[in-house]
PDB file of N, CA and C in Angstrom:
ATOM      1  N   UNK A   1       9.504  33.004 -11.633  1.00  0.00           N
ATOM      2  CA  UNK A   1       8.850  32.489 -12.567  1.00  0.00           C
ATOM      3  C   UNK A   1       7.646  31.904 -11.763  1.00  0.00           C
ATOM      4  N   UNK A   2       6.366  32.490 -12.361  1.00  0.00           N
ATOM      5  CA  UNK A   2       4.911  32.553 -12.281  1.00  0.00           C
ATOM      6  C   UNK A   2       4.159  31.152 -13.041  1.00  0.00           C
ATOM      7  N   UNK A   3       3.499  30.085 -12.230  1.00  0.00           N
ATOM      8  CA  UNK A   3       2.928  29.213 -12.975  1.00  0.00           C
ATOM      9  C   UNK A   3       1.764  29.269 -12.864  1.00  0.00           C
ATOM     10  N   UNK A   4       0.739  28.739 -13.919  1.00  0.00           N
ATOM     11  CA  UNK A   4      -0.484  28.490 -14.014  1.00  0.00           C
ATOM     12  C   UNK A   4      -0.599  26.985 -14.491  1.00  0.00           C
ATOM     13  N   UNK A   5      -1.940  26.370 -13.396  1.00  0.00           N
ATOM     14  CA  UNK A   5      -2.283  25.208 -13.935  1.00  0.00           C
ATOM     15  C   UNK A   5      -3.556  24.862 -13.876  1.00  0.00           C
ATOM     16  N   UNK A   6      -3.840  24.589 -14.828  1.00  0.00           N
ATOM     17  CA  UNK A   6      -5.118  23.902 -15.720  1.00  0.00           C
ATOM     18  C   UNK A   6      -5.226  22.529 -15.453  1.00  0.00           C
ATOM     19  N   UNK A   7      -6.140  21.756 -14.866  1.00  0.00           N
ATOM     20  CA  UNK A   7      -6.497  20.623 -14.440  1.00  0.00           C
ATOM     21  C   UNK A   7      -7.581  20.333 -14.745  1.00  0.00           C
ATOM     22  N   UNK A   8      -8.237  19.261 -15.472  1.00  0.00           N
ATOM     23  CA  UNK A   8      -9.458  18.760 -15.582  1.00  0.00           C
ATOM     24  C   UNK A   8      -9.015  17.062 -15.455  1.00  0.00           C
ATOM     25  N   UNK A   9      -9.943  16.433 -14.075  1.00  0.00           N
ATOM     26  CA  UNK A   9      -9.650  14.957 -13.969  1.00  0.00           C
ATOM     27  C   UNK A   9     -11.105  14.406 -13.787  1.00  0.00           C
ATOM     28  N   UNK A  10     -11.290  13.484 -14.550  1.00  0.00           N
ATOM     29  CA  UNK A  10     -12.910  12.872 -14.742  1.00  0.00           C
ATOM     30  C   UNK A  10     -12.632  11.209 -15.038  1.00  0.00           C
ATOM     31  N   UNK A  11     -14.070  11.010 -14.744  1.00  0.00           N
ATOM     32  CA  UNK A  11     -14.151   9.355 -15.185  1.00  0.00           C
ATOM     33  C   UNK A  11     -14.601   9.698 -16.949  1.00  0.00           C
ATOM     34  N   UNK A  12     -13.818   8.449 -17.570  1.00  0.00           N
ATOM     35  CA  UNK A  12     -13.719   8.701 -18.640  1.00  0.00           C
ATOM     36  C   UNK A  12     -15.291   8.526 -19.544  1.00  0.00           C
ATOM     37  N   UNK A  13     -15.476   9.402 -20.430  1.00  0.00           N
ATOM     38  CA  UNK A  13     -16.798   9.153 -21.027  1.00  0.00           C
ATOM     39  C   UNK A  13     -16.842   7.961 -22.019  1.00  0.00           C
ATOM     40  N   UNK A  14     -16.219   7.624 -22.578  1.00  0.00           N
ATOM     41  CA  UNK A  14     -16.181   6.509 -23.535  1.00  0.00           C
ATOM     42  C   UNK A  14     -14.704   5.501 -23.252  1.00  0.00           C
ATOM     43  N   UNK A  15     -15.347   3.864 -22.817  1.00  0.00           N
ATOM     44  CA  UNK A  15     -13.914   3.352 -22.694  1.00  0.00           C
ATOM     45  C   UNK A  15     -12.854   3.337 -23.081  1.00  0.00           C
ATOM     46  N   UNK A  16     -11.614   3.437 -22.747  1.00  0.00           N
ATOM     47  CA  UNK A  16     -10.543   3.343 -23.183  1.00  0.00           C
ATOM     48  C   UNK A  16     -10.194   1.992 -23.903  1.00  0.00           C
ATOM     49  N   UNK A  17      -9.750   1.085 -22.839  1.00  0.00           N
ATOM     50  CA  UNK A  17      -9.663  -0.398 -23.020  1.00  0.00           C
ATOM     51  C   UNK A  17     -10.736  -0.809 -23.659  1.00  0.00           C
ATOM     52  N   UNK A  18     -10.480  -1.932 -24.289  1.00  0.00           N
ATOM     53  CA  UNK A  18     -11.367  -2.482 -25.334  1.00  0.00           C
ATOM     54  C   UNK A  18     -12.011  -3.685 -24.396  1.00  0.00           C
ATOM     55  N   UNK A  19     -13.512  -3.631 -24.620  1.00  0.00           N
ATOM     56  CA  UNK A  19     -14.422  -4.650 -23.902  1.00  0.00           C
ATOM     57  C   UNK A  19     -13.801  -6.119 -24.273  1.00  0.00           C
ATOM     58  N   UNK A  20     -12.894  -6.638 -25.246  1.00  0.00           N
ATOM     59  CA  UNK A  20     -12.816  -7.720 -25.495  1.00  0.00           C
ATOM     60  C   UNK A  20     -11.364  -8.154 -24.810  1.00  0.00           C
ATOM     61  N   UNK A  21     -10.389  -7.611 -24.072  1.00  0.00           N
ATOM     62  CA  UNK A  21      -9.292  -7.219 -23.574  1.00  0.00           C
ATOM     63  C   UNK A  21      -9.585  -8.296 -22.045  1.00  0.00           C
ATOM     64  N   UNK A  22      -9.216  -9.200 -21.791  1.00  0.00           N
ATOM     65  CA  UNK A  22      -9.442  -9.796 -20.647  1.00  0.00           C
ATOM     66  C   UNK A  22      -8.478  -8.788 -19.470  1.00  0.00           C
ATOM     67  N   UNK A  23      -9.100  -8.178 -18.843  1.00  0.00           N
ATOM     68  CA  UNK A  23      -8.668  -7.139 -17.848  1.00  0.00           C
ATOM     69  C   UNK A  23      -8.688  -7.316 -16.454  1.00  0.00           C
ATOM     70  N   UNK A  24      -9.254  -8.659 -16.351  1.00  0.00           N
ATOM     71  CA  UNK A  24      -9.792  -9.018 -14.751  1.00  0.00           C
ATOM     72  C   UNK A  24      -8.583  -9.114 -13.635  1.00  0.00           C
ATOM     73  N   UNK A  25      -7.371  -9.338 -14.471  1.00  0.00           N
ATOM     74  CA  UNK A  25      -6.281  -9.044 -13.567  1.00  0.00           C
ATOM     75  C   UNK A  25      -5.682  -7.724 -13.015  1.00  0.00           C
ATOM     76  N   UNK A  26      -6.622  -6.964 -13.763  1.00  0.00           N
ATOM     77  CA  UNK A  26      -6.366  -5.388 -13.318  1.00  0.00           C
ATOM     78  C   UNK A  26      -7.362  -5.253 -12.171  1.00  0.00           C
ATOM     79  N   UNK A  27      -8.414  -5.875 -11.719  1.00  0.00           N
ATOM     80  CA  UNK A  27      -8.954  -5.617 -10.826  1.00  0.00           C
ATOM     81  C   UNK A  27      -8.574  -4.734  -9.788  1.00  0.00           C
ATOM     82  N   UNK A  28      -9.532  -3.845  -9.279  1.00  0.00           N
ATOM     83  CA  UNK A  28      -8.724  -2.555  -8.088  1.00  0.00           C
ATOM     84  C   UNK A  28      -7.626  -1.731  -8.417  1.00  0.00           C
ATOM     85  N   UNK A  29      -7.832  -1.404  -9.791  1.00  0.00           N
ATOM     86  CA  UNK A  29      -6.767  -0.472 -10.405  1.00  0.00           C
ATOM     87  C   UNK A  29      -7.799   0.331 -10.987  1.00  0.00           C
ATOM     88  N   UNK A  30      -6.748   1.788 -11.392  1.00  0.00           N
ATOM     89  CA  UNK A  30      -7.332   2.594 -12.482  1.00  0.00           C
ATOM     90  C   UNK A  30      -6.317   2.632 -13.660  1.00  0.00           C
ATOM     91  N   UNK A  31      -6.842   3.064 -14.736  1.00  0.00           N
ATOM     92  CA  UNK A  31      -6.432   3.198 -16.047  1.00  0.00           C
ATOM     93  C   UNK A  31      -6.751   4.708 -16.194  1.00  0.00           C
ATOM     94  N   UNK A  32      -5.268   5.368 -15.982  1.00  0.00           N
ATOM     95  CA  UNK A  32      -5.367   6.908 -16.146  1.00  0.00           C
ATOM     96  C   UNK A  32      -4.828   7.069 -17.579  1.00  0.00           C
ATOM     97  N   UNK A  33      -5.508   7.892 -18.517  1.00  0.00           N
ATOM     98  CA  UNK A  33      -5.369   8.342 -19.775  1.00  0.00           C
ATOM     99  C   UNK A  33      -4.935   9.987 -19.340  1.00  0.00           C
ATOM    100  N   UNK A  34      -3.509   9.883 -19.426  1.00  0.00           N
ATOM    101  CA  UNK A  34      -2.718  11.167 -18.915  1.00  0.00           C
ATOM    102  C   UNK A  34      -2.377  11.972 -20.005  1.00  0.00           C
ATOM    103  N   UNK A  35      -2.634  13.109 -20.081  1.00  0.00           N
ATOM    104  CA  UNK A  35      -2.246  14.465 -21.184  1.00  0.00           C
ATOM    105  C   UNK A  35      -1.778  15.565 -20.450  1.00  0.00           C
ATOM    106  N   UNK A  36      -0.129  15.680 -20.335  1.00  0.00           N
ATOM    107  CA  UNK A  36       0.312  16.930 -19.676  1.00  0.00           C
ATOM    108  C   UNK A  36       1.190  17.439 -20.658  1.00  0.00           C
ATOM    109  N   UNK A  37       0.427  18.934 -20.479  1.00  0.00           N
ATOM    110  CA  UNK A  37       1.395  19.839 -21.634  1.00  0.00           C
ATOM    111  C   UNK A  37       1.986  20.819 -20.605  1.00  0.00           C
ATOM    112  N   UNK A  38       3.511  21.120 -20.975  1.00  0.00           N
ATOM    113  CA  UNK A  38       4.199  22.124 -20.153  1.00  0.00           C
ATOM    114  C   UNK A  38       4.831  23.216 -20.885  1.00  0.00           C
ATOM    115  N   UNK A  39       4.112  24.375 -20.681  1.00  0.00           N
ATOM    116  CA  UNK A  39       4.557  25.374 -21.709  1.00  0.00           C
ATOM    117  C   UNK A  39       5.661  26.558 -20.750  1.00  0.00           C
ATOM    118  N   UNK A  40       6.916  26.647 -21.067  1.00  0.00           N
ATOM    119  CA  UNK A  40       7.538  27.741 -20.728  1.00  0.00           C
ATOM    120  C   UNK A  40       7.754  28.987 -21.791  1.00  0.00           C
ATOM    121  N   UNK A  41       6.915  30.255 -21.172  1.00  0.00           N
ATOM    122  CA  UNK A  41       6.862  31.153 -22.192  1.00  0.00           C
ATOM    123  C   UNK A  41       8.066  31.305 -22.751  1.00  0.00           C
ATOM    124  N   UNK A  42       8.287  31.679 -24.094  1.00  0.00           N
ATOM    125  CA  UNK A  42       9.566  32.031 -24.758  1.00  0.00           C
ATOM    126  C   UNK A  42      10.444  31.232 -24.222  1.00  0.00           C
ATOM    127  N   UNK A  43      10.283  29.648 -24.282  1.00  0.00           N
ATOM    128  CA  UNK A  43      11.173  28.825 -24.414  1.00  0.00           C
ATOM    129  C   UNK A  43      10.872  27.528 -25.016  1.00  0.00           C
ATOM    130  N   UNK A  44      10.127  26.679 -23.995  1.00  0.00           N
ATOM    131  CA  UNK A  44       9.952  25.437 -24.724  1.00  0.00           C
ATOM    132  C   UNK A  44       8.467  25.152 -24.523  1.00  0.00           C
ATOM    133  N   UNK A  45       8.152  23.719 -25.294  1.00  0.00           N
ATOM    134  CA  UNK A  45       6.755  22.832 -25.160  1.00  0.00           C
ATOM    135  C   UNK A  45       6.803  21.804 -24.879  1.00  0.00           C
ATOM    136  N   UNK A  46       6.771  21.109 -23.720  1.00  0.00           N
ATOM    137  CA  UNK A  46       6.731  19.722 -23.697  1.00  0.00           C
ATOM    138  C   UNK A  46       5.203  18.968 -23.491  1.00  0.00           C
ATOM    139  N   UNK A  47       4.874  18.036 -24.420  1.00  0.00           N
ATOM    140  CA  UNK A  47       3.440  17.451 -24.159  1.00  0.00           C
ATOM    141  C   UNK A  47       3.991  16.030 -23.927  1.00  0.00           C
ATOM    142  N   UNK A  48       2.866  15.277 -23.329  1.00  0.00           N
ATOM    143  CA  UNK A  48       3.102  13.912 -22.909  1.00  0.00           C
ATOM    144  C   UNK A  48       1.839  13.144 -23.090  1.00  0.00           C
ATOM    145  N   UNK A  49       1.682  12.450 -23.925  1.00  0.00           N
ATOM    146  CA  UNK A  49       0.373  11.152 -23.555  1.00  0.00           C
ATOM    147  C   UNK A  49       0.366  10.116 -23.010  1.00  0.00           C
ATOM    148  N   UNK A  50       0.040   9.978 -22.133  1.00  0.00           N
ATOM    149  CA  UNK A  50       0.634   8.336 -21.566  1.00  0.00           C
ATOM    150  C   UNK A  50      -0.481   7.553 -20.819  1.00  0.00           C
ATOM    151  N   UNK A  51      -0.831   6.229 -20.937  1.00  0.00           N
ATOM    152  CA  UNK A  51      -1.990   5.595 -20.075  1.00  0.00           C
ATOM    153  C   UNK A  51      -0.729   4.882 -18.998  1.00  0.00           C
ATOM    154  N   UNK A  52      -1.459   5.150 -17.742  1.00  0.00           N
ATOM    155  CA  UNK A  52      -0.844   4.403 -16.481  1.00  0.00           C
ATOM    156  C   UNK A  52      -1.917   3.494 -15.626  1.00  0.00           C
ATOM    157  N   UNK A  53      -1.369   2.765 -15.372  1.00  0.00           N
ATOM    158  CA  UNK A  53      -2.160   1.382 -14.266  1.00  0.00           C
ATOM    159  C   UNK A  53      -1.741   1.881 -13.113  1.00  0.00           C
ATOM    160  N   UNK A  54      -2.551   2.210 -12.275  1.00  0.00           N
ATOM    161  CA  UNK A  54      -2.290   2.553 -11.016  1.00  0.00           C
ATOM    162  C   UNK A  54      -3.397   2.048  -9.868  1.00  0.00           C
ATOM    163  N   UNK A  55      -2.617   1.178  -8.987  1.00  0.00           N
ATOM    164  CA  UNK A  55      -3.690   0.473  -7.677  1.00  0.00           C
ATOM    165  C   UNK A  55      -4.589   1.609  -7.163  1.00  0.00           C
ATOM    166  N   UNK A  56      -6.028   1.012  -6.928  1.00  0.00           N
ATOM    167  CA  UNK A  56      -7.186   1.723  -5.950  1.00  0.00           C
ATOM    168  C   UNK A  56      -6.533   2.410  -5.212  1.00  0.00           C
ATOM    169  N   UNK A  57      -5.933   1.861  -4.445  1.00  0.00           N
ATOM    170  CA  UNK A  57      -5.163   1.862  -2.771  1.00  0.00           C
ATOM    171  C   UNK A  57      -3.936   3.279  -2.890  1.00  0.00           C
ATOM    172  N   UNK A  58      -3.170   3.214  -3.950  1.00  0.00           N
ATOM    173  CA  UNK A  58      -2.197   4.386  -4.099  1.00  0.00           C
ATOM    174  C   UNK A  58      -3.191   5.841  -4.392  1.00  0.00           C
ATOM    175  N   UNK A  59      -4.350   5.707  -5.722  1.00  0.00           N
ATOM    176  CA  UNK A  59      -4.859   6.709  -6.073  1.00  0.00           C
ATOM    177  C   UNK A  59      -5.801   7.147  -4.997  1.00  0.00           C
ATOM    178  N   UNK A  60      -6.242   6.581  -4.492  1.00  0.00           N
ATOM    179  CA  UNK A  60      -7.187   7.178  -3.604  1.00  0.00           C
ATOM    180  C   UNK A  60      -7.227   7.389  -2.178  1.00  0.00           C
ATOM    181  N   UNK A  61      -5.702   7.038  -1.895  1.00  0.00           N
ATOM    182  CA  UNK A  61      -4.926   7.706  -0.788  1.00  0.00           C
ATOM    183  C   UNK A  61      -3.550   8.554  -1.004  1.00  0.00           C
ATOM    184  N   UNK A  62      -3.703   9.417  -2.155  1.00  0.00           N
ATOM    185  CA  UNK A  62      -2.481   9.770  -3.200  1.00  0.00           C
ATOM    186  C   UNK A  62      -1.713  10.807  -1.947  1.00  0.00           C
ATOM    187  N   UNK A  63      -2.167  11.353  -0.821  1.00  0.00           N
ATOM    188  CA  UNK A  63      -1.688  12.530  -0.133  1.00  0.00           C
ATOM    189  C   UNK A  63      -0.703  11.792   0.912  1.00  0.00           C
ATOM    190  N   UNK A  64      -1.201  10.347   1.043  1.00  0.00           N
ATOM    191  CA  UNK A  64      -0.431   9.799   2.603  1.00  0.00           C
ATOM    192  C   UNK A  64       1.044   9.385   1.561  1.00  0.00           C
ATOM    193  N   UNK A  65       2.021   9.750   2.430  1.00  0.00           N
ATOM    194  CA  UNK A  65       3.336   9.850   2.284  1.00  0.00           C
ATOM    195  C   UNK A  65       3.972   8.837   1.411  1.00  0.00           C
ATOM    196  N   UNK A  66       3.806   7.528   1.775  1.00  0.00           N
ATOM    197  CA  UNK A  66       4.285   6.473   0.737  1.00  0.00           C
ATOM    198  C   UNK A  66       3.799   6.531  -0.468  1.00  0.00           C
ATOM    199  N   UNK A  67       2.307   6.484  -0.457  1.00  0.00           N
ATOM    200  CA  UNK A  67       1.785   6.695  -1.814  1.00  0.00           C
ATOM    201  C   UNK A  67       1.955   7.961  -3.102  1.00  0.00           C
ATOM    202  N   UNK A  68       2.337   9.009  -2.123  1.00  0.00           N
ATOM    203  CA  UNK A  68       2.319   9.979  -3.032  1.00  0.00           C
ATOM    204  C   UNK A  68       3.866   9.789  -3.377  1.00  0.00           C
ATOM    205  N   UNK A  69       4.689   9.190  -2.932  1.00  0.00           N
ATOM    206  CA  UNK A  69       6.154   8.687  -2.987  1.00  0.00           C
ATOM    207  C   UNK A  69       6.075   8.207  -4.690  1.00  0.00           C
ATOM    208  N   UNK A  70       5.301   7.104  -4.515  1.00  0.00           N
ATOM    209  CA  UNK A  70       4.845   6.173  -5.673  1.00  0.00           C
ATOM    210  C   UNK A  70       4.435   7.088  -6.937  1.00  0.00           C
ATOM    211  N   UNK A  71       3.443   8.173  -6.597  1.00  0.00           N
ATOM    212  CA  UNK A  71       2.895   8.925  -7.575  1.00  0.00           C
ATOM    213  C   UNK A  71       4.100   9.659  -7.791  1.00  0.00           C
ATOM    214  N   UNK A  72       4.804  10.295  -7.279  1.00  0.00           N
ATOM    215  CA  UNK A  72       5.652  10.805  -7.940  1.00  0.00           C
ATOM    216  C   UNK A  72       6.689  10.125  -8.906  1.00  0.00           C
ATOM    217  N   UNK A  73       7.044   8.922  -8.494  1.00  0.00           N
ATOM    218  CA  UNK A  73       7.936   8.203  -9.599  1.00  0.00           C
ATOM    219  C   UNK A  73       6.979   8.053 -10.702  1.00  0.00           C
ATOM    220  N   UNK A  74       5.599   7.635 -10.429  1.00  0.00           N
ATOM    221  CA  UNK A  74       4.950   7.179 -11.693  1.00  0.00           C
ATOM    222  C   UNK A  74       4.507   8.649 -12.654  1.00  0.00           C
ATOM    223  N   UNK A  75       4.316   9.842 -12.257  1.00  0.00           N
ATOM    224  CA  UNK A  75       3.948  11.068 -12.654  1.00  0.00           C
ATOM    225  C   UNK A  75       5.638  11.409 -12.690  1.00  0.00           C
ATOM    226  N   UNK A  76       6.996  11.132 -13.538  1.00  0.00           N
ATOM    227  CA  UNK A  76       8.183  11.600 -13.038  1.00  0.00           C
ATOM    228  C   UNK A  76       8.525  12.693 -13.609  1.00  0.00           C
ATOM    229  N   UNK A  77       7.317  12.611 -15.178  1.00  0.00           N
ATOM    230  CA  UNK A  77       7.583  13.778 -16.084  1.00  0.00           C
ATOM    231  C   UNK A  77       6.846  15.326 -15.451  1.00  0.00           C
ATOM    232  N   UNK A  78       6.007  15.006 -14.513  1.00  0.00           N
ATOM    233  CA  UNK A  78       5.664  16.313 -14.128  1.00  0.00           C
ATOM    234  C   UNK A  78       6.241  17.210 -12.700  1.00  0.00           C
ATOM    235  N   UNK A  79       6.772  18.220 -13.056  1.00  0.00           N
ATOM    236  CA  UNK A  79       7.337  18.726 -11.845  1.00  0.00           C
ATOM    237  C   UNK A  79       6.577  18.435 -10.352  1.00  0.00           C
ATOM    238  N   UNK A  80       7.112  18.308  -9.419  1.00  0.00           N
ATOM    239  CA  UNK A  80       6.784  18.612  -7.973  1.00  0.00           C
ATOM    240  C   UNK A  80       6.040  19.411  -7.513  1.00  0.00           C
ATOM    241  N   UNK A  81       6.321  20.629  -7.939  1.00  0.00           N
ATOM    242  CA  UNK A  81       5.057  21.673  -7.191  1.00  0.00           C
ATOM    243  C   UNK A  81       3.823  21.673  -8.222  1.00  0.00           C
ATOM    244  N   UNK A  82       3.826  20.826  -9.080  1.00  0.00           N
ATOM    245  CA  UNK A  82       2.686  20.663  -9.694  1.00  0.00           C
ATOM    246  C   UNK A  82       1.967  19.671  -9.450  1.00  0.00           C
ATOM    247  N   UNK A  83       2.581  18.406  -9.374  1.00  0.00           N
ATOM    248  CA  UNK A  83       1.931  17.468  -8.545  1.00  0.00           C
ATOM    249  C   UNK A  83       1.321  17.614  -7.106  1.00  0.00           C
ATOM    250  N   UNK A  84       1.955  18.398  -6.671  1.00  0.00           N
ATOM    251  CA  UNK A  84       1.335  19.008  -5.095  1.00  0.00           C
ATOM    252  C   UNK A  84       0.221  19.833  -5.447  1.00  0.00           C
ATOM    253  N   UNK A  85      -0.014  20.615  -6.536  1.00  0.00           N
ATOM    254  CA  UNK A  85      -1.274  21.169  -6.798  1.00  0.00           C
ATOM    255  C   UNK A  85      -2.340  20.044  -7.191  1.00  0.00           C
ATOM    256  N   UNK A  86      -2.188  19.272  -8.034  1.00  0.00           N
ATOM    257  CA  UNK A  86      -2.961  18.293  -8.190  1.00  0.00           C
ATOM    258  C   UNK A  86      -3.594  17.012  -7.427  1.00  0.00           C
ATOM    259  N   UNK A  87      -2.787  16.879  -7.095  1.00  0.00           N
ATOM    260  CA  UNK A  87      -3.162  15.354  -6.445  1.00  0.00           C
ATOM    261  C   UNK A  87      -4.248  15.128  -5.516  1.00  0.00           C
ATOM    262  N   UNK A  88      -4.745  16.326  -4.666  1.00  0.00           N
ATOM    263  CA  UNK A  88      -6.015  16.445  -3.671  1.00  0.00           C
ATOM    264  C   UNK A  88      -7.131  15.980  -4.549  1.00  0.00           C
ATOM    265  N   UNK A  89      -7.278  16.790  -5.978  1.00  0.00           N
ATOM    266  CA  UNK A  89      -8.277  16.685  -6.997  1.00  0.00           C
ATOM    267  C   UNK A  89      -8.301  15.425  -7.365  1.00  0.00           C
ATOM    268  N   UNK A  90      -7.395  14.904  -7.754  1.00  0.00           N
ATOM    269  CA  UNK A  90      -7.129  13.213  -8.507  1.00  0.00           C
ATOM    270  C   UNK A  90      -7.812  12.611  -7.159  1.00  0.00           C
ATOM    271  N   UNK A  91      -7.193  12.510  -6.234  1.00  0.00           N
ATOM    272  CA  UNK A  91      -7.675  11.742  -4.824  1.00  0.00           C
ATOM    273  C   UNK A  91      -9.331  11.659  -4.913  1.00  0.00           C
ATOM    274  N   UNK A  92      -9.698  12.622  -4.833  1.00  0.00           N
ATOM    275  CA  UNK A  92     -11.295  13.326  -4.725  1.00  0.00           C
ATOM    276  C   UNK A  92     -11.638  12.277  -6.187  1.00  0.00           C
ATOM    277  N   UNK A  93     -11.241  12.300  -7.148  1.00  0.00           N
ATOM    278  CA  UNK A  93     -11.904  11.882  -7.930  1.00  0.00           C
ATOM    279  C   UNK A  93     -12.152  10.252  -8.040  1.00  0.00           C
ATOM    280  N   UNK A  94     -10.856  10.043  -7.662  1.00  0.00           N
ATOM    281  CA  UNK A  94     -10.695   8.387  -7.617  1.00  0.00           C
ATOM    282  C   UNK A  94     -11.361   7.815  -6.381  1.00  0.00           C
ATOM    283  N   UNK A  95     -11.608   8.524  -5.440  1.00  0.00           N
ATOM    284  CA  UNK A  95     -12.593   8.082  -4.120  1.00  0.00           C
ATOM    285  C   UNK A  95     -14.040   8.169  -4.969  1.00  0.00           C
ATOM    286  N   UNK A  96     -14.518   9.457  -5.226  1.00  0.00           N
ATOM    287  CA  UNK A  96     -15.880   9.365  -6.274  1.00  0.00           C
ATOM    288  C   UNK A  96     -16.078   8.301  -6.872  1.00  0.00           C
ATOM    289  N   UNK A  97     -15.422   7.834  -7.666  1.00  0.00           N
ATOM    290  CA  UNK A  97     -15.181   6.759  -8.896  1.00  0.00           C
ATOM    291  C   UNK A  97     -15.550   5.456  -8.324  1.00  0.00           C
ATOM    292  N   UNK A  98     -14.749   5.329  -6.950  1.00  0.00           N
ATOM    293  CA  UNK A  98     -14.539   3.988  -6.381  1.00  0.00           C
ATOM    294  C   UNK A  98     -15.878   3.812  -5.719  1.00  0.00           C
ATOM    295  N   UNK A  99     -16.263   4.800  -4.968  1.00  0.00           N
ATOM    296  CA  UNK A  99     -17.894   4.776  -4.348  1.00  0.00           C
ATOM    297  C   UNK A  99     -18.879   4.597  -5.771  1.00  0.00           C
ATOM    298  N   UNK A 100     -19.003   5.114  -6.835  1.00  0.00           N
ATOM    299  CA  UNK A 100     -19.856   4.937  -7.641  1.00  0.00           C
ATOM    300  C   UNK A 100     -19.822   3.460  -8.709  1.00  0.00           C
ATOM    301  N   UNK A 101     -18.494   2.867  -8.224  1.00  0.00           N
ATOM    302  CA  UNK A 101     -18.078   1.869  -9.189  1.00  0.00           C
ATOM    303  C   UNK A 101     -19.125   0.983  -9.353  1.00  0.00           C
ATOM    304  N   UNK A 102     -19.592   0.525 -10.459  1.00  0.00           N
ATOM    305  CA  UNK A 102     -20.545  -0.683 -11.162  1.00  0.00           C
ATOM    306  C   UNK A 102     -19.797  -1.727 -10.876  1.00  0.00           C
ATOM    307  N   UNK A 103     -20.470  -2.640 -10.281  1.00  0.00           N
ATOM    308  CA  UNK A 103     -19.502  -4.158  -9.779  1.00  0.00           C
ATOM    309  C   UNK A 103     -19.558  -4.712 -10.976  1.00  0.00           C
ATOM    310  N   UNK A 104     -19.892  -4.987 -12.182  1.00  0.00           N
ATOM    311  CA  UNK A 104     -19.727  -5.439 -13.269  1.00  0.00           C
ATOM    312  C   UNK A 104     -18.358  -4.938 -14.037  1.00  0.00           C
ATOM    313  N   UNK A 105     -17.888  -3.635 -13.742  1.00  0.00           N
ATOM    314  CA  UNK A 105     -16.594  -2.773 -14.189  1.00  0.00           C
ATOM    315  C   UNK A 105     -15.692  -3.523 -13.433  1.00  0.00           C
ATOM    316  N   UNK A 106     -14.376  -3.920 -14.258  1.00  0.00           N
ATOM    317  CA  UNK A 106     -13.211  -4.608 -13.641  1.00  0.00           C
ATOM    318  C   UNK A 106     -12.386  -3.548 -13.402  1.00  0.00           C
ATOM    319  N   UNK A 107     -12.571  -2.590 -13.967  1.00  0.00           N
ATOM    320  CA  UNK A 107     -11.337  -1.760 -14.211  1.00  0.00           C
ATOM    321  C   UNK A 107     -11.719   0.040 -14.314  1.00  0.00           C
ATOM    322  N   UNK A 108     -11.701   0.904 -13.352  1.00  0.00           N
ATOM    323  CA  UNK A 108     -11.609   2.243 -13.483  1.00  0.00           C
ATOM    324  C   UNK A 108     -10.855   3.144 -14.570  1.00  0.00           C
ATOM    325  N   UNK A 109     -11.353   3.888 -15.432  1.00  0.00           N
ATOM    326  CA  UNK A 109     -10.773   4.557 -16.559  1.00  0.00           C
ATOM    327  C   UNK A 109     -11.177   5.840 -15.925  1.00  0.00           C
ATOM    328  N   UNK A 110     -10.125   6.673 -15.765  1.00  0.00           N
ATOM    329  CA  UNK A 110     -10.006   8.078 -15.795  1.00  0.00           C
ATOM    330  C   UNK A 110      -9.052   9.084 -16.383  1.00  0.00           C
ATOM    331  N   UNK A 111      -9.667   9.983 -16.892  1.00  0.00           N
ATOM    332  CA  UNK A 111      -8.789  11.226 -17.792  1.00  0.00           C
ATOM    333  C   UNK A 111      -8.457  11.948 -16.925  1.00  0.00           C
ATOM    334  N   UNK A 112      -7.068  12.451 -17.313  1.00  0.00           N
ATOM    335  CA  UNK A 112      -6.410  13.690 -16.111  1.00  0.00           C
ATOM    336  C   UNK A 112      -5.585  14.278 -17.384  1.00  0.00           C
ATOM    337  N   UNK A 113      -6.471  15.294 -17.321  1.00  0.00           N
ATOM    338  CA  UNK A 113      -5.194  16.336 -18.481  1.00  0.00           C
ATOM    339  C   UNK A 113      -4.950  17.525 -17.538  1.00  0.00           C
ATOM    340  N   UNK A 114      -3.539  17.725 -17.934  1.00  0.00           N
ATOM    341  CA  UNK A 114      -2.658  18.977 -16.806  1.00  0.00           C
ATOM    342  C   UNK A 114      -2.091  19.783 -18.062  1.00  0.00           C
ATOM    343  N   UNK A 115      -2.650  21.075 -17.861  1.00  0.00           N
ATOM    344  CA  UNK A 115      -1.742  22.007 -18.696  1.00  0.00           C
ATOM    345  C   UNK A 115      -1.203  22.977 -18.033  1.00  0.00           C
ATOM    346  N   UNK A 116      -0.135  23.225 -18.306  1.00  0.00           N
ATOM    347  CA  UNK A 116       1.199  24.052 -17.304  1.00  0.00           C
ATOM    348  C   UNK A 116       1.222  25.371 -17.880  1.00  0.00           C
ATOM    349  N   UNK A 117       1.315  26.673 -17.729  1.00  0.00           N
ATOM    350  CA  UNK A 117       1.810  27.655 -18.012  1.00  0.00           C
ATOM    351  C   UNK A 117       2.773  28.105 -17.239  1.00  0.00           C
ATOM    352  N   UNK A 118       4.354  28.415 -17.284  1.00  0.00           N
ATOM    353  CA  UNK A 118       5.060  29.225 -16.717  1.00  0.00           C
ATOM    354  C   UNK A 118       5.864  30.142 -17.184  1.00  0.00           C
ATOM    355  N   UNK A 119       5.826  31.353 -16.742  1.00  0.00           N
ATOM    356  CA  UNK A 119       6.535  32.291 -17.373  1.00  0.00           C
ATOM    357  C   UNK A 119       7.378  33.486 -16.248  1.00  0.00           C
ATOM    358  N   UNK A 120       8.231  33.673 -16.851  1.00  0.00           N
ATOM    359  CA  UNK A 120       9.038  34.804 -16.035  1.00  0.00           C
ATOM    360  C   UNK A 120       8.295  35.904 -15.389  1.00  0.00           C
ATOM    361  N   UNK A 121       8.684  36.347 -13.944  1.00  0.00           N
ATOM    362  CA  UNK A 121       7.916  37.433 -13.314  1.00  0.00           C
ATOM    363  C   UNK A 121       8.822  38.573 -13.838  1.00  0.00           C
ATOM    364  N   UNK A 122       8.172  39.551 -14.489  1.00  0.00           N
ATOM    365  CA  UNK A 122       8.751  40.884 -14.845  1.00  0.00           C
ATOM    366  C   UNK A 122       8.889  41.843 -13.719  1.00  0.00           C
TER     367      UNK A 122
END
């Protein structure tokens, strides 16, 4: 099987969580708006849209083994080989967002879009 991965990870352009919600208890967390599509050519398509709350410590150090394990559990619907490919980019974006964080912001919001196409090798 041959796998192609398209990834887009970035800070949100429009806030996802309502400004009126009390989210102060979520300080030091990321809200990740996650869209995952997995197409196996001539078989099935899987689409998942979820929101996850992930502590900054885990997302900013996602390649450390214990944090990696936590992320494998959180993103259990994503094949491990795909997670291996995308975690470095997610970590880089998370670290940049923390470095540029506005102090008035209680929570960081990230868009994570993963589109995977798998096809048999002829």
